[in-house]
Amino acid sequence: MIKGSCCCGAVKFELKNKPSMLGTCHCSRCRKVGASAIIFVKKADLVWVQGKDHVAVYKPEAPYKYERTFCKNCGTSLGEILSDDDSFPIAANAIDSELDLKNQMHEFIADKPSWYEICDEAAQNLEHPA
């Protein structure tokens, strides 16, 4: 099992299987909530250990549609961990276990701040990759 948690430990979860991908989102919204490094997981692989009731949801105004979640206690970004989709991104920094993954893509690179330099060979996309 791959273990994950928030900073204060109120939220704990496990993944039954390795995430399908690791990527980096450069949009201003992901950067602001501290969830630029994201892993894609299957809903069936997510096992709640404790603290699902400690997860708060930020619902954006249109035209944005993706909700962001975080720990109510410490504010740790959890990506879209409460999504009802079959597969969704969660913040890679919430993972405690070692992941044998390399960054596979960058998205919204036009929104990348000038101070950040992409230093890998991962695919670069102007928006969400197809």
C-alpha atoms as a PDB file:
ATOM      1  CA  MET A   1       0.000   0.000   0.000  1.00  0.00           C
ATOM      2  CA  ILE A   2       1.087   3.521  -0.773  1.00  0.00           C
ATOM      3  CA  LYS A   3       0.455   5.757   2.225  1.00  0.00           C
ATOM      4  CA  GLY A   4      -0.608   9.397   2.161  1.00  0.00           C
ATOM      5  CA  SER A   5      -1.576  12.024   4.723  1.00  0.00           C
ATOM      6  CA  CYS A   6      -1.883  15.690   5.517  1.00  0.00           C
ATOM      7  CA  CYS A   7       0.734  17.611   7.517  1.00  0.00           C
ATOM      8  CA  CYS A   8      -1.045  17.281  10.885  1.00  0.00           C
ATOM      9  CA  GLY A   9      -2.030  13.619  10.393  1.00  0.00           C
ATOM     10  CA  ALA A  10      -5.785  14.180  10.699  1.00  0.00           C
ATOM     11  CA  VAL A  11      -6.258  12.902   7.121  1.00  0.00           C
ATOM     12  CA  LYS A  12      -4.764   9.523   6.199  1.00  0.00           C
ATOM     13  CA  PHE A  13      -5.344   7.401   3.138  1.00  0.00           C
ATOM     14  CA  GLU A  14      -3.756   4.589   1.165  1.00  0.00           C
ATOM     15  CA  LEU A  15      -3.563   3.653  -2.486  1.00  0.00           C
ATOM     16  CA  LYS A  16      -3.875  -0.031  -3.424  1.00  0.00           C
ATOM     17  CA  ASN A  17      -1.946   0.473  -6.665  1.00  0.00           C
ATOM     18  CA  LYS A  18       0.714   2.758  -8.049  1.00  0.00           C
ATOM     19  CA  PRO A  19      -0.665   5.968  -9.579  1.00  0.00           C
ATOM     20  CA  SER A  20      -0.916   5.921 -13.366  1.00  0.00           C
ATOM     21  CA  MET A  21       1.042   9.140 -13.864  1.00  0.00           C
ATOM     22  CA  LEU A  22       2.893  12.022 -12.221  1.00  0.00           C
ATOM     23  CA  GLY A  23       2.608  15.454 -13.804  1.00  0.00           C
ATOM     24  CA  THR A  24       3.088  19.136 -13.115  1.00  0.00           C
ATOM     25  CA  CYS A  25       0.368  21.745 -13.539  1.00  0.00           C
ATOM     26  CA  HIS A  26       1.561  25.319 -13.965  1.00  0.00           C
ATOM     27  CA  CYS A  27      -1.851  27.054 -13.832  1.00  0.00           C
ATOM     28  CA  SER A  28      -2.149  29.818 -11.255  1.00  0.00           C
ATOM     29  CA  ARG A  29      -4.879  27.969  -9.338  1.00  0.00           C
ATOM     30  CA  CYS A  30      -2.792  24.830  -8.741  1.00  0.00           C
ATOM     31  CA  ARG A  31       0.237  26.928  -7.836  1.00  0.00           C
ATOM     32  CA  LYS A  32      -1.749  28.969  -5.303  1.00  0.00           C
ATOM     33  CA  VAL A  33      -3.093  25.915  -3.480  1.00  0.00           C
ATOM     34  CA  GLY A  34       0.263  24.130  -3.481  1.00  0.00           C
ATOM     35  CA  ALA A  35      -0.796  21.279  -5.737  1.00  0.00           C
ATOM     36  CA  SER A  36       1.335  21.716  -8.840  1.00  0.00           C
ATOM     37  CA  ALA A  37       2.833  18.216  -8.611  1.00  0.00           C
ATOM     38  CA  ILE A  38      -0.054  15.831  -9.153  1.00  0.00           C
ATOM     39  CA  ILE A  39      -0.502  12.090  -9.386  1.00  0.00           C
ATOM     40  CA  PHE A  40      -3.422  10.450 -11.114  1.00  0.00           C
ATOM     41  CA  VAL A  41      -5.184   7.743  -9.118  1.00  0.00           C
ATOM     42  CA  LYS A  42      -8.169   5.483  -9.642  1.00  0.00           C
ATOM     43  CA  LYS A  43     -11.087   5.927  -7.275  1.00  0.00           C
ATOM     44  CA  ALA A  44     -11.161   2.148  -6.727  1.00  0.00           C
ATOM     45  CA  ASP A  45      -7.557   2.308  -5.445  1.00  0.00           C
ATOM     46  CA  LEU A  46      -8.220   4.967  -2.777  1.00  0.00           C
ATOM     47  CA  VAL A  47      -8.723   3.605   0.753  1.00  0.00           C
ATOM     48  CA  TRP A  48      -9.610   6.056   3.532  1.00  0.00           C
ATOM     49  CA  VAL A  49      -7.791   5.266   6.781  1.00  0.00           C
ATOM     50  CA  GLN A  50      -9.084   8.278   8.717  1.00  0.00           C
ATOM     51  CA  GLY A  51     -10.138  11.875   8.419  1.00  0.00           C
ATOM     52  CA  LYS A  52     -12.343  11.995   5.323  1.00  0.00           C
ATOM     53  CA  ASP A  53     -14.594  14.239   7.443  1.00  0.00           C
ATOM     54  CA  HIS A  54     -11.588  16.580   7.937  1.00  0.00           C
ATOM     55  CA  VAL A  55     -11.406  17.315   4.191  1.00  0.00           C
ATOM     56  CA  ALA A  56     -12.791  20.686   3.130  1.00  0.00           C
ATOM     57  CA  VAL A  57     -13.794  21.550  -0.436  1.00  0.00           C
ATOM     58  CA  TYR A  58     -13.170  24.794  -2.307  1.00  0.00           C
ATOM     59  CA  LYS A  59     -15.745  25.149  -5.097  1.00  0.00           C
ATOM     60  CA  PRO A  60     -14.612  27.631  -7.747  1.00  0.00           C
ATOM     61  CA  GLU A  61     -16.787  30.065  -9.666  1.00  0.00           C
ATOM     62  CA  ALA A  62     -17.359  29.598 -13.399  1.00  0.00           C
ATOM     63  CA  PRO A  63     -15.617  29.192 -15.765  1.00  0.00           C
ATOM     64  CA  TYR A  64     -13.511  26.983 -13.482  1.00  0.00           C
ATOM     65  CA  LYS A  65     -14.955  23.568 -12.690  1.00  0.00           C
ATOM     66  CA  TYR A  66     -12.369  21.610 -10.715  1.00  0.00           C
ATOM     67  CA  GLU A  67     -12.891  21.569  -6.966  1.00  0.00           C
ATOM     68  CA  ARG A  68      -9.858  21.644  -4.682  1.00  0.00           C
ATOM     69  CA  THR A  69      -9.685  19.879  -1.354  1.00  0.00           C
ATOM     70  CA  PHE A  70      -7.546  20.447   1.709  1.00  0.00           C
ATOM     71  CA  CYS A  71      -7.298  19.434   5.356  1.00  0.00           C
ATOM     72  CA  LYS A  72      -9.540  21.590   7.561  1.00  0.00           C
ATOM     73  CA  ASN A  73      -6.913  21.525  10.341  1.00  0.00           C
ATOM     74  CA  CYS A  74      -3.579  22.218   8.646  1.00  0.00           C
ATOM     75  CA  GLY A  75      -4.505  23.298   5.114  1.00  0.00           C
ATOM     76  CA  THR A  76      -2.542  20.573   3.301  1.00  0.00           C
ATOM     77  CA  SER A  77      -3.626  20.507  -0.330  1.00  0.00           C
ATOM     78  CA  LEU A  78      -5.115  17.160  -1.353  1.00  0.00           C
ATOM     79  CA  GLY A  79      -5.981  17.872  -4.995  1.00  0.00           C
ATOM     80  CA  GLU A  80      -9.329  16.396  -6.039  1.00  0.00           C
ATOM     81  CA  ILE A  81      -9.328  13.530  -3.534  1.00  0.00           C
ATOM     82  CA  LEU A  82     -13.143  13.634  -3.063  1.00  0.00           C
ATOM     83  CA  SER A  83     -13.865  13.430  -6.800  1.00  0.00           C
ATOM     84  CA  ASP A  84     -16.596  11.074  -7.993  1.00  0.00           C
ATOM     85  CA  ASP A  85     -14.712  10.459 -11.262  1.00  0.00           C
ATOM     86  CA  ASP A  86     -13.160   7.036 -11.900  1.00  0.00           C
ATOM     87  CA  SER A  87      -9.700   8.663 -12.079  1.00  0.00           C
ATOM     88  CA  PHE A  88      -8.580  12.004 -10.664  1.00  0.00           C
ATOM     89  CA  PRO A  89      -5.497  13.951  -9.575  1.00  0.00           C
ATOM     90  CA  ILE A  90      -4.329  14.313  -6.010  1.00  0.00           C
ATOM     91  CA  ALA A  91      -1.428  16.400  -4.731  1.00  0.00           C
ATOM     92  CA  ALA A  92       1.791  14.372  -4.959  1.00  0.00           C
ATOM     93  CA  ASN A  93       3.117  16.128  -1.856  1.00  0.00           C
ATOM     94  CA  ALA A  94       0.431  14.359   0.237  1.00  0.00           C
ATOM     95  CA  ILE A  95       2.082  10.988  -0.477  1.00  0.00           C
ATOM     96  CA  ASP A  96       4.292   9.622   2.324  1.00  0.00           C
ATOM     97  CA  SER A  97       5.563   6.491   0.569  1.00  0.00           C
ATOM     98  CA  GLU A  98       8.284   6.446  -2.048  1.00  0.00           C
ATOM     99  CA  LEU A  99       6.866   6.611  -5.578  1.00  0.00           C
ATOM    100  CA  ASP A 100       8.755   5.046  -8.432  1.00  0.00           C
ATOM    101  CA  LEU A 101       7.497   7.651 -10.912  1.00  0.00           C
ATOM    102  CA  LYS A 102       9.095  10.392 -12.953  1.00  0.00           C
ATOM    103  CA  ASN A 103       7.332  13.528 -14.133  1.00  0.00           C
ATOM    104  CA  GLN A 104       5.605  12.637 -17.401  1.00  0.00           C
ATOM    105  CA  MET A 105       3.987  15.903 -18.417  1.00  0.00           C
ATOM    106  CA  HIS A 106       3.628  19.612 -17.820  1.00  0.00           C
ATOM    107  CA  GLU A 107       0.292  21.323 -18.441  1.00  0.00           C
ATOM    108  CA  PHE A 108      -0.684  24.987 -18.766  1.00  0.00           C
ATOM    109  CA  ILE A 109       2.911  25.927 -19.504  1.00  0.00           C
ATOM    110  CA  ALA A 110       1.825  29.348 -20.818  1.00  0.00           C
ATOM    111  CA  ASP A 111       0.777  30.160 -17.224  1.00  0.00           C
ATOM    112  CA  LYS A 112       4.163  29.152 -15.810  1.00  0.00           C
ATOM    113  CA  PRO A 113       5.822  32.012 -13.914  1.00  0.00           C
ATOM    114  CA  SER A 114       9.043  33.377 -15.385  1.00  0.00           C
ATOM    115  CA  TRP A 115      11.034  32.354 -12.299  1.00  0.00           C
ATOM    116  CA  TYR A 116      10.247  28.647 -12.820  1.00  0.00           C
ATOM    117  CA  GLU A 117      12.366  26.725 -15.309  1.00  0.00           C
ATOM    118  CA  ILE A 118      11.250  23.366 -16.665  1.00  0.00           C
ATOM    119  CA  CYS A 119      14.315  21.158 -16.317  1.00  0.00           C
ATOM    120  CA  ASP A 120      13.131  17.766 -17.536  1.00  0.00           C
ATOM    121  CA  GLU A 121      12.216  16.141 -20.832  1.00  0.00           C
ATOM    122  CA  ALA A 122       8.531  15.570 -19.983  1.00  0.00           C
ATOM    123  CA  ALA A 123       5.923  16.535 -22.566  1.00  0.00           C
ATOM    124  CA  GLN A 124       4.839  20.173 -22.388  1.00  0.00           C
ATOM    125  CA  ASN A 125       1.198  21.105 -23.045  1.00  0.00           C
ATOM    126  CA  LEU A 126      -0.513  24.485 -23.358  1.00  0.00           C
ATOM    127  CA  GLU A 127      -3.626  23.041 -21.636  1.00  0.00           C
ATOM    128  CA  HIS A 128      -4.770  19.641 -20.343  1.00  0.00           C
ATOM    129  CA  PRO A 129      -3.191  16.930 -22.490  1.00  0.00           C
ATOM    130  CA  ALA A 130      -5.600  14.975 -24.657  1.00  0.00           C
END
